[in-house]
Amino acid sequence: MFIKELVIVPKCLKCGNELSFGTSKIPPVAPTANGPVSGLVADFSNQNSIVRMESMGATIDEAQEAWEEPNSYFYTFY
């Protein structure tokens, strides 16, 4: 029997955002005042899964690992 690990959708404790998060594990490719917040950003569905990721500095292996193990990459950090 296959049991899928429950993905806990991150939630911002300040504004309540549960849709789009950047990971602090992958720095932005060009850290500037108006640049991206992270080198990897994911959008979550309300069914606790990633629906889209945007890589701006993450390797394909890092992006794949984040897709497979989102709880290790995306979490509440306020």
C-alpha atoms as a PDB file:
ATOM      1  CA  MET A   1       0.000   0.000   0.000  1.00  0.00           C
ATOM      2  CA  PHE A   2       1.291   3.442  -0.959  1.00  0.00           C
ATOM      3  CA  ILE A   3       0.941   6.180   1.651  1.00  0.00           C
ATOM      4  CA  LYS A   4       1.638   9.725   0.532  1.00  0.00           C
ATOM      5  CA  GLU A   5       3.178  12.084   3.053  1.00  0.00           C
ATOM      6  CA  LEU A   6       0.830  14.892   4.049  1.00  0.00           C
ATOM      7  CA  VAL A   7       2.044  18.224   2.751  1.00  0.00           C
ATOM      8  CA  ILE A   8       1.435  21.006   5.210  1.00  0.00           C
ATOM      9  CA  VAL A   9       0.770  24.213   3.324  1.00  0.00           C
ATOM     10  CA  PRO A  10       2.814  27.058   4.747  1.00  0.00           C
ATOM     11  CA  LYS A  11       0.933  30.039   6.122  1.00  0.00           C
ATOM     12  CA  CYS A  12       2.203  33.534   6.813  1.00  0.00           C
ATOM     13  CA  LEU A  13       1.537  34.375  10.443  1.00  0.00           C
ATOM     14  CA  LYS A  14       1.368  38.072   9.600  1.00  0.00           C
ATOM     15  CA  CYS A  15      -0.999  38.259   6.599  1.00  0.00           C
ATOM     16  CA  GLY A  16      -2.485  34.749   6.307  1.00  0.00           C
ATOM     17  CA  ASN A  17      -1.044  34.053   2.835  1.00  0.00           C
ATOM     18  CA  GLU A  18      -1.289  30.365   1.929  1.00  0.00           C
ATOM     19  CA  LEU A  19      -0.736  30.603  -1.826  1.00  0.00           C
ATOM     20  CA  SER A  20       2.781  31.656  -2.818  1.00  0.00           C
ATOM     21  CA  PHE A  21       6.043  31.139  -0.960  1.00  0.00           C
ATOM     22  CA  GLY A  22       9.754  31.473  -1.609  1.00  0.00           C
ATOM     23  CA  THR A  23      12.271  29.215   0.064  1.00  0.00           C
ATOM     24  CA  SER A  24      15.127  30.530   2.153  1.00  0.00           C
ATOM     25  CA  LYS A  25      17.254  27.518   1.157  1.00  0.00           C
ATOM     26  CA  ILE A  26      17.909  28.885  -2.343  1.00  0.00           C
ATOM     27  CA  PRO A  27      19.121  32.477  -2.597  1.00  0.00           C
ATOM     28  CA  PRO A  28      17.932  34.728  -5.410  1.00  0.00           C
ATOM     29  CA  VAL A  29      20.139  34.774  -8.460  1.00  0.00           C
ATOM     30  CA  ALA A  30      20.447  38.593  -8.287  1.00  0.00           C
ATOM     31  CA  PRO A  31      19.836  39.895  -4.759  1.00  0.00           C
ATOM     32  CA  THR A  32      18.541  43.423  -5.280  1.00  0.00           C
ATOM     33  CA  ALA A  33      15.968  45.638  -3.632  1.00  0.00           C
ATOM     34  CA  ASN A  34      13.431  44.972  -6.385  1.00  0.00           C
ATOM     35  CA  GLY A  35      14.515  41.426  -7.224  1.00  0.00           C
ATOM     36  CA  PRO A  36      12.885  38.107  -6.406  1.00  0.00           C
ATOM     37  CA  VAL A  37      12.585  37.048  -2.807  1.00  0.00           C
ATOM     38  CA  SER A  38      14.089  33.619  -3.459  1.00  0.00           C
ATOM     39  CA  GLY A  39      15.689  31.461  -6.119  1.00  0.00           C
ATOM     40  CA  LEU A  40      12.638  29.167  -5.975  1.00  0.00           C
ATOM     41  CA  VAL A  41       9.007  30.187  -5.517  1.00  0.00           C
ATOM     42  CA  ALA A  42       6.045  27.799  -5.286  1.00  0.00           C
ATOM     43  CA  ASP A  43       2.313  28.336  -5.544  1.00  0.00           C
ATOM     44  CA  PHE A  44       0.143  26.012  -3.467  1.00  0.00           C
ATOM     45  CA  SER A  45      -3.411  24.809  -4.051  1.00  0.00           C
ATOM     46  CA  ASN A  46      -5.993  24.615  -1.313  1.00  0.00           C
ATOM     47  CA  GLN A  47      -5.599  20.812  -1.522  1.00  0.00           C
ATOM     48  CA  ASN A  48      -2.145  21.012   0.094  1.00  0.00           C
ATOM     49  CA  SER A  49      -0.072  20.532  -3.049  1.00  0.00           C
ATOM     50  CA  ILE A  50       2.248  22.572  -5.226  1.00  0.00           C
ATOM     51  CA  VAL A  51       0.603  23.615  -8.461  1.00  0.00           C
ATOM     52  CA  ARG A  52       3.423  25.691  -9.944  1.00  0.00           C
ATOM     53  CA  MET A  53       7.053  26.504  -9.230  1.00  0.00           C
ATOM     54  CA  GLU A  54       9.279  29.201 -10.648  1.00  0.00           C
ATOM     55  CA  SER A  55      13.010  28.626 -10.521  1.00  0.00           C
ATOM     56  CA  MET A  56      15.241  31.692 -10.657  1.00  0.00           C
ATOM     57  CA  GLY A  57      18.548  30.232  -9.548  1.00  0.00           C
ATOM     58  CA  ALA A  58      17.701  26.733  -8.323  1.00  0.00           C
ATOM     59  CA  THR A  59      19.206  23.755 -10.099  1.00  0.00           C
ATOM     60  CA  ILE A  60      16.874  21.177 -11.636  1.00  0.00           C
ATOM     61  CA  ASP A  61      17.792  18.787  -8.821  1.00  0.00           C
ATOM     62  CA  GLU A  62      16.943  21.360  -6.151  1.00  0.00           C
ATOM     63  CA  ALA A  63      13.622  22.160  -7.833  1.00  0.00           C
ATOM     64  CA  GLN A  64      12.758  18.461  -8.114  1.00  0.00           C
ATOM     65  CA  GLU A  65      13.607  17.856  -4.462  1.00  0.00           C
ATOM     66  CA  ALA A  66      11.480  20.835  -3.402  1.00  0.00           C
ATOM     67  CA  TRP A  67       8.573  19.502  -5.495  1.00  0.00           C
ATOM     68  CA  GLU A  68       8.881  16.064  -3.868  1.00  0.00           C
ATOM     69  CA  GLU A  69       9.568  17.323  -0.325  1.00  0.00           C
ATOM     70  CA  PRO A  70       7.865  20.733  -0.022  1.00  0.00           C
ATOM     71  CA  ASN A  71       7.798  20.612   3.785  1.00  0.00           C
ATOM     72  CA  SER A  72      11.601  20.722   3.739  1.00  0.00           C
ATOM     73  CA  TYR A  73      11.712  23.861   1.594  1.00  0.00           C
ATOM     74  CA  PHE A  74       8.572  25.929   2.195  1.00  0.00           C
ATOM     75  CA  TYR A  75       7.564  26.845   5.717  1.00  0.00           C
ATOM     76  CA  THR A  76       6.329  29.759   7.758  1.00  0.00           C
ATOM     77  CA  PHE A  77       9.059  32.243   8.476  1.00  0.00           C
ATOM     78  CA  TYR A  78       7.833  35.422  10.075  1.00  0.00           C
END
